[in-house]
Amino acid sequence: MAHLRLEKELLNLSDGTSIRIARTPGMGDKEWQDTKKYLEANPEEARRMETFSRDAKAVRAWMQTQAISEYYNTRLSNGDETVTGKFSALEKNAELAHIFEDVKRGGNQAAMQ
């Protein structure tokens, strides 16, 4: 497996300090510019992101979650009948129905809980 070496950028935070943070893999230029602007204005969030980025296990778990999400979203948006059918069956399962309702109401945030 190839190792991904991410170049870090220096962010000057609004509290007068600075930190180095790497761009999230797959993040577009506009999104990265918006993220940097947000982090510079919110030093606590910037430090949380810096701490997270140093935790290899957490980063791996996040990247795995992103890959799984992308896979299923692509399948669903392309109308994959097998995947759509399986999700429909899960949604109708009495033990899981409340989870699907929570996700419908709360979106991705609810899905992650």
N, C-alpha and C. Protein backbone atom coordinates (compact mmCIF):
# COMPACT_ATOMS: atom_id res chain seq x y z
N MET A 1 0.85 -1.18 0.00
CA MET A 1 0.00 0.00 0.00
C MET A 1 0.89 1.24 0.00
N ALA A 2 0.62 2.17 -0.88
CA ALA A 2 1.40 3.39 -0.97
C ALA A 2 1.04 4.34 0.17
N HIS A 3 2.03 5.03 0.66
CA HIS A 3 1.79 6.00 1.73
C HIS A 3 1.52 7.36 1.11
N LEU A 4 0.49 8.01 1.60
CA LEU A 4 0.09 9.31 1.12
C LEU A 4 0.73 10.37 2.00
N ARG A 5 1.58 11.20 1.42
CA ARG A 5 2.24 12.25 2.18
C ARG A 5 1.50 13.55 1.89
N LEU A 6 0.87 14.09 2.92
CA LEU A 6 0.08 15.30 2.75
C LEU A 6 0.90 16.52 3.14
N GLU A 7 0.90 17.50 2.28
CA GLU A 7 1.59 18.74 2.57
C GLU A 7 0.71 19.61 3.44
N LYS A 8 1.29 20.12 4.52
CA LYS A 8 0.53 20.95 5.45
C LYS A 8 0.69 22.42 5.11
N GLU A 9 -0.39 23.16 5.36
CA GLU A 9 -0.37 24.61 5.14
C GLU A 9 -0.43 25.32 6.48
N LEU A 10 0.24 26.45 6.54
CA LEU A 10 0.25 27.26 7.75
C LEU A 10 -1.01 28.12 7.77
N LEU A 11 -1.75 28.01 8.88
CA LEU A 11 -2.95 28.83 9.06
C LEU A 11 -2.70 29.79 10.20
N ASN A 12 -2.97 31.06 9.97
CA ASN A 12 -2.84 32.08 11.01
C ASN A 12 -4.21 32.28 11.64
N LEU A 13 -4.32 31.84 12.88
CA LEU A 13 -5.60 31.85 13.56
C LEU A 13 -5.93 33.22 14.15
N SER A 14 -7.22 33.45 14.35
CA SER A 14 -7.69 34.76 14.82
C SER A 14 -7.22 35.10 16.23
N ASP A 15 -6.77 34.11 16.99
CA ASP A 15 -6.27 34.38 18.35
C ASP A 15 -4.79 34.74 18.36
N GLY A 16 -4.20 34.88 17.16
CA GLY A 16 -2.79 35.27 17.06
C GLY A 16 -1.82 34.11 16.96
N THR A 17 -2.30 32.89 17.10
CA THR A 17 -1.43 31.72 16.97
C THR A 17 -1.51 31.18 15.55
N SER A 18 -0.69 30.21 15.25
CA SER A 18 -0.74 29.57 13.94
C SER A 18 -0.53 28.07 14.11
N ILE A 19 -1.07 27.31 13.16
CA ILE A 19 -0.89 25.86 13.14
C ILE A 19 -0.73 25.41 11.70
N ARG A 20 -0.21 24.20 11.54
CA ARG A 20 -0.08 23.60 10.22
C ARG A 20 -1.12 22.48 10.10
N ILE A 21 -1.90 22.55 9.04
CA ILE A 21 -2.95 21.55 8.80
C ILE A 21 -2.89 21.12 7.34
N ALA A 22 -3.08 19.82 7.14
CA ALA A 22 -3.10 19.27 5.78
C ALA A 22 -4.53 19.29 5.23
N ARG A 23 -4.63 19.48 3.96
CA ARG A 23 -5.91 19.44 3.27
C ARG A 23 -6.44 18.01 3.31
N THR A 24 -7.72 17.87 3.54
CA THR A 24 -8.36 16.56 3.55
C THR A 24 -8.30 15.97 2.15
N PRO A 25 -7.85 14.73 2.01
CA PRO A 25 -7.79 14.11 0.68
C PRO A 25 -9.15 14.16 -0.01
N GLY A 26 -9.13 14.53 -1.29
CA GLY A 26 -10.36 14.59 -2.07
C GLY A 26 -11.11 15.91 -1.97
N MET A 27 -10.64 16.82 -1.13
CA MET A 27 -11.32 18.10 -0.96
C MET A 27 -10.97 19.03 -2.13
N GLY A 28 -11.98 19.64 -2.70
CA GLY A 28 -11.78 20.56 -3.81
C GLY A 28 -11.18 21.88 -3.36
N ASP A 29 -10.67 22.66 -4.31
CA ASP A 29 -10.01 23.93 -4.00
C ASP A 29 -10.93 24.91 -3.27
N LYS A 30 -12.15 25.07 -3.78
CA LYS A 30 -13.10 26.01 -3.16
C LYS A 30 -13.44 25.58 -1.74
N GLU A 31 -13.70 24.29 -1.55
CA GLU A 31 -14.03 23.78 -0.23
C GLU A 31 -12.85 23.95 0.74
N TRP A 32 -11.63 23.73 0.25
CA TRP A 32 -10.44 23.90 1.08
C TRP A 32 -10.26 25.37 1.48
N GLN A 33 -10.49 26.29 0.54
CA GLN A 33 -10.39 27.71 0.86
C GLN A 33 -11.42 28.10 1.92
N ASP A 34 -12.65 27.61 1.77
CA ASP A 34 -13.70 27.89 2.75
C ASP A 34 -13.35 27.29 4.11
N THR A 35 -12.81 26.08 4.11
CA THR A 35 -12.42 25.42 5.36
C THR A 35 -11.32 26.19 6.06
N LYS A 36 -10.31 26.61 5.30
CA LYS A 36 -9.20 27.38 5.91
C LYS A 36 -9.72 28.67 6.53
N LYS A 37 -10.59 29.35 5.81
CA LYS A 37 -11.16 30.60 6.31
C LYS A 37 -11.91 30.36 7.62
N TYR A 38 -12.73 29.29 7.66
CA TYR A 38 -13.48 28.93 8.85
C TYR A 38 -12.54 28.60 10.01
N LEU A 39 -11.52 27.79 9.74
CA LEU A 39 -10.59 27.40 10.80
C LEU A 39 -9.81 28.59 11.34
N GLU A 40 -9.41 29.49 10.46
CA GLU A 40 -8.68 30.67 10.92
C GLU A 40 -9.54 31.53 11.83
N ALA A 41 -10.84 31.56 11.57
CA ALA A 41 -11.76 32.34 12.40
C ALA A 41 -12.19 31.60 13.67
N ASN A 42 -11.95 30.30 13.72
CA ASN A 42 -12.38 29.46 14.86
C ASN A 42 -11.21 28.61 15.36
N PRO A 43 -10.34 29.21 16.16
CA PRO A 43 -9.12 28.51 16.61
C PRO A 43 -9.38 27.18 17.33
N GLU A 44 -10.46 27.08 18.11
CA GLU A 44 -10.72 25.82 18.82
C GLU A 44 -10.98 24.69 17.82
N GLU A 45 -11.76 24.99 16.80
CA GLU A 45 -12.04 23.98 15.77
C GLU A 45 -10.77 23.60 15.02
N ALA A 46 -9.93 24.59 14.75
CA ALA A 46 -8.66 24.32 14.06
C ALA A 46 -7.79 23.37 14.89
N ARG A 47 -7.75 23.58 16.18
CA ARG A 47 -6.96 22.71 17.04
C ARG A 47 -7.55 21.30 17.12
N ARG A 48 -8.89 21.22 17.12
CA ARG A 48 -9.53 19.89 17.10
C ARG A 48 -9.17 19.15 15.82
N MET A 49 -9.20 19.87 14.70
CA MET A 49 -8.87 19.24 13.43
C MET A 49 -7.41 18.80 13.41
N GLU A 50 -6.55 19.62 13.96
CA GLU A 50 -5.12 19.28 14.02
C GLU A 50 -4.92 18.02 14.87
N THR A 51 -5.59 17.95 16.01
CA THR A 51 -5.50 16.78 16.89
C THR A 51 -6.02 15.54 16.18
N PHE A 52 -7.17 15.66 15.52
CA PHE A 52 -7.75 14.56 14.77
C PHE A 52 -6.78 14.06 13.70
N SER A 53 -6.16 14.98 12.98
CA SER A 53 -5.28 14.61 11.87
C SER A 53 -4.04 13.86 12.34
N ARG A 54 -3.71 13.97 13.62
CA ARG A 54 -2.56 13.25 14.17
C ARG A 54 -2.91 11.85 14.67
N ASP A 55 -4.20 11.54 14.71
CA ASP A 55 -4.68 10.25 15.19
C ASP A 55 -4.91 9.33 13.99
N ALA A 56 -3.91 8.53 13.66
CA ALA A 56 -3.96 7.70 12.45
C ALA A 56 -5.17 6.77 12.45
N LYS A 57 -5.49 6.20 13.60
CA LYS A 57 -6.63 5.28 13.69
C LYS A 57 -7.93 6.01 13.37
N ALA A 58 -8.10 7.20 13.91
CA ALA A 58 -9.31 7.97 13.66
C ALA A 58 -9.40 8.40 12.19
N VAL A 59 -8.28 8.80 11.62
CA VAL A 59 -8.26 9.21 10.21
C VAL A 59 -8.60 8.03 9.31
N ARG A 60 -8.01 6.87 9.60
CA ARG A 60 -8.32 5.66 8.82
C ARG A 60 -9.80 5.32 8.91
N ALA A 61 -10.37 5.38 10.10
CA ALA A 61 -11.79 5.07 10.29
C ALA A 61 -12.65 6.07 9.51
N TRP A 62 -12.28 7.34 9.56
CA TRP A 62 -13.03 8.37 8.83
C TRP A 62 -12.95 8.12 7.32
N MET A 63 -11.75 7.80 6.83
CA MET A 63 -11.58 7.56 5.39
C MET A 63 -12.35 6.31 4.95
N GLN A 64 -12.37 5.30 5.80
CA GLN A 64 -13.13 4.09 5.49
C GLN A 64 -14.62 4.40 5.42
N THR A 65 -15.10 5.19 6.37
CA THR A 65 -16.51 5.59 6.37
C THR A 65 -16.84 6.38 5.12
N GLN A 66 -15.95 7.28 4.72
CA GLN A 66 -16.16 8.08 3.51
C GLN A 66 -16.23 7.18 2.28
N ALA A 67 -15.34 6.19 2.19
CA ALA A 67 -15.31 5.28 1.04
C ALA A 67 -16.60 4.46 0.96
N ILE A 68 -17.04 3.95 2.10
CA ILE A 68 -18.28 3.16 2.12
C ILE A 68 -19.47 4.03 1.73
N SER A 69 -19.52 5.23 2.27
CA SER A 69 -20.61 6.15 1.96
C SER A 69 -20.63 6.48 0.46
N GLU A 70 -19.46 6.76 -0.09
CA GLU A 70 -19.36 7.09 -1.51
C GLU A 70 -19.82 5.91 -2.37
N TYR A 71 -19.41 4.71 -1.99
CA TYR A 71 -19.78 3.51 -2.74
C TYR A 71 -21.30 3.37 -2.80
N TYR A 72 -21.95 3.42 -1.63
CA TYR A 72 -23.40 3.23 -1.60
C TYR A 72 -24.15 4.40 -2.22
N ASN A 73 -23.68 5.61 -2.02
CA ASN A 73 -24.35 6.76 -2.65
C ASN A 73 -24.28 6.66 -4.17
N THR A 74 -23.14 6.21 -4.70
CA THR A 74 -23.00 6.03 -6.14
C THR A 74 -23.95 4.95 -6.64
N ARG A 75 -24.00 3.84 -5.93
CA ARG A 75 -24.90 2.75 -6.31
C ARG A 75 -26.35 3.22 -6.32
N LEU A 76 -26.74 3.92 -5.26
CA LEU A 76 -28.13 4.39 -5.16
C LEU A 76 -28.45 5.42 -6.23
N SER A 77 -27.54 6.36 -6.47
CA SER A 77 -27.81 7.40 -7.47
C SER A 77 -27.83 6.84 -8.89
N ASN A 78 -27.15 5.71 -9.10
CA ASN A 78 -27.18 5.07 -10.42
C ASN A 78 -28.33 4.08 -10.56
N GLY A 79 -29.17 4.00 -9.53
CA GLY A 79 -30.34 3.13 -9.60
C GLY A 79 -30.04 1.65 -9.51
N ASP A 80 -28.99 1.27 -8.84
CA ASP A 80 -28.64 -0.14 -8.66
C ASP A 80 -29.79 -0.84 -7.93
N GLU A 81 -30.50 -1.71 -8.65
CA GLU A 81 -31.69 -2.36 -8.10
C GLU A 81 -31.38 -3.27 -6.93
N THR A 82 -30.24 -3.93 -6.94
CA THR A 82 -29.89 -4.82 -5.85
C THR A 82 -29.71 -4.04 -4.55
N VAL A 83 -28.93 -2.97 -4.62
CA VAL A 83 -28.68 -2.16 -3.42
C VAL A 83 -29.96 -1.46 -2.98
N THR A 84 -30.71 -0.91 -3.92
CA THR A 84 -31.97 -0.24 -3.59
C THR A 84 -32.93 -1.22 -2.91
N GLY A 85 -33.00 -2.43 -3.43
CA GLY A 85 -33.88 -3.44 -2.86
C GLY A 85 -33.46 -3.82 -1.44
N LYS A 86 -32.17 -3.94 -1.23
CA LYS A 86 -31.68 -4.29 0.12
C LYS A 86 -31.98 -3.17 1.11
N PHE A 87 -31.77 -1.94 0.71
CA PHE A 87 -32.08 -0.82 1.60
C PHE A 87 -33.58 -0.75 1.89
N SER A 88 -34.41 -1.01 0.88
CA SER A 88 -35.86 -1.01 1.09
C SER A 88 -36.27 -2.09 2.08
N ALA A 89 -35.66 -3.27 1.95
CA ALA A 89 -35.96 -4.36 2.87
C ALA A 89 -35.54 -4.01 4.30
N LEU A 90 -34.37 -3.39 4.45
CA LEU A 90 -33.91 -2.99 5.77
C LEU A 90 -34.83 -1.93 6.38
N GLU A 91 -35.28 -1.02 5.54
CA GLU A 91 -36.16 0.05 6.01
C GLU A 91 -37.50 -0.50 6.51
N LYS A 92 -37.95 -1.58 5.92
CA LYS A 92 -39.22 -2.19 6.32
C LYS A 92 -39.08 -3.12 7.53
N ASN A 93 -37.85 -3.43 7.90
CA ASN A 93 -37.61 -4.29 9.06
C ASN A 93 -38.03 -3.54 10.32
N ALA A 94 -38.90 -4.17 11.11
CA ALA A 94 -39.47 -3.52 12.30
C ALA A 94 -38.39 -3.07 13.28
N GLU A 95 -37.31 -3.82 13.39
CA GLU A 95 -36.25 -3.47 14.35
C GLU A 95 -35.38 -2.30 13.86
N LEU A 96 -35.38 -2.05 12.56
CA LEU A 96 -34.53 -1.00 12.00
C LEU A 96 -35.29 0.23 11.51
N ALA A 97 -36.59 0.15 11.41
CA ALA A 97 -37.40 1.24 10.84
C ALA A 97 -37.15 2.58 11.54
N HIS A 98 -37.02 2.56 12.86
CA HIS A 98 -36.80 3.82 13.59
C HIS A 98 -35.47 4.48 13.22
N ILE A 99 -34.48 3.67 12.89
CA ILE A 99 -33.18 4.21 12.49
C ILE A 99 -33.32 4.95 11.15
N PHE A 100 -34.03 4.35 10.22
CA PHE A 100 -34.24 5.00 8.93
C PHE A 100 -35.03 6.30 9.09
N GLU A 101 -35.99 6.31 9.99
CA GLU A 101 -36.75 7.53 10.25
C GLU A 101 -35.84 8.62 10.83
N ASP A 102 -34.97 8.24 11.76
CA ASP A 102 -34.02 9.20 12.33
C ASP A 102 -33.12 9.80 11.26
N VAL A 103 -32.64 8.95 10.36
CA VAL A 103 -31.76 9.42 9.29
C VAL A 103 -32.51 10.33 8.33
N LYS A 104 -33.76 10.00 8.03
CA LYS A 104 -34.57 10.86 7.15
C LYS A 104 -34.75 12.25 7.77
N ARG A 105 -34.96 12.27 9.09
CA ARG A 105 -35.17 13.56 9.77
C ARG A 105 -33.85 14.29 9.99
N GLY A 106 -32.80 13.56 10.40
CA GLY A 106 -31.55 14.20 10.81
C GLY A 106 -30.41 14.16 9.82
N GLY A 107 -30.59 13.50 8.67
CA GLY A 107 -29.56 13.45 7.64
C GLY A 107 -28.31 12.70 8.08
N ASN A 108 -27.17 13.10 7.50
CA ASN A 108 -25.90 12.43 7.76
C ASN A 108 -25.52 12.45 9.23
N GLN A 109 -25.82 13.54 9.91
CA GLN A 109 -25.49 13.65 11.34
C GLN A 109 -26.16 12.53 12.12
N ALA A 110 -27.41 12.27 11.84
CA ALA A 110 -28.14 11.20 12.52
C ALA A 110 -27.59 9.84 12.14
N ALA A 111 -27.17 9.69 10.90
CA ALA A 111 -26.64 8.41 10.43
C ALA A 111 -25.33 8.05 11.14
N MET A 112 -24.57 9.05 11.52
CA MET A 112 -23.27 8.80 12.15
C MET A 112 -23.39 8.43 13.61
N GLN A 113 -24.54 8.63 14.20
CA GLN A 113 -24.71 8.34 15.63
C GLN A 113 -25.04 6.93 15.89
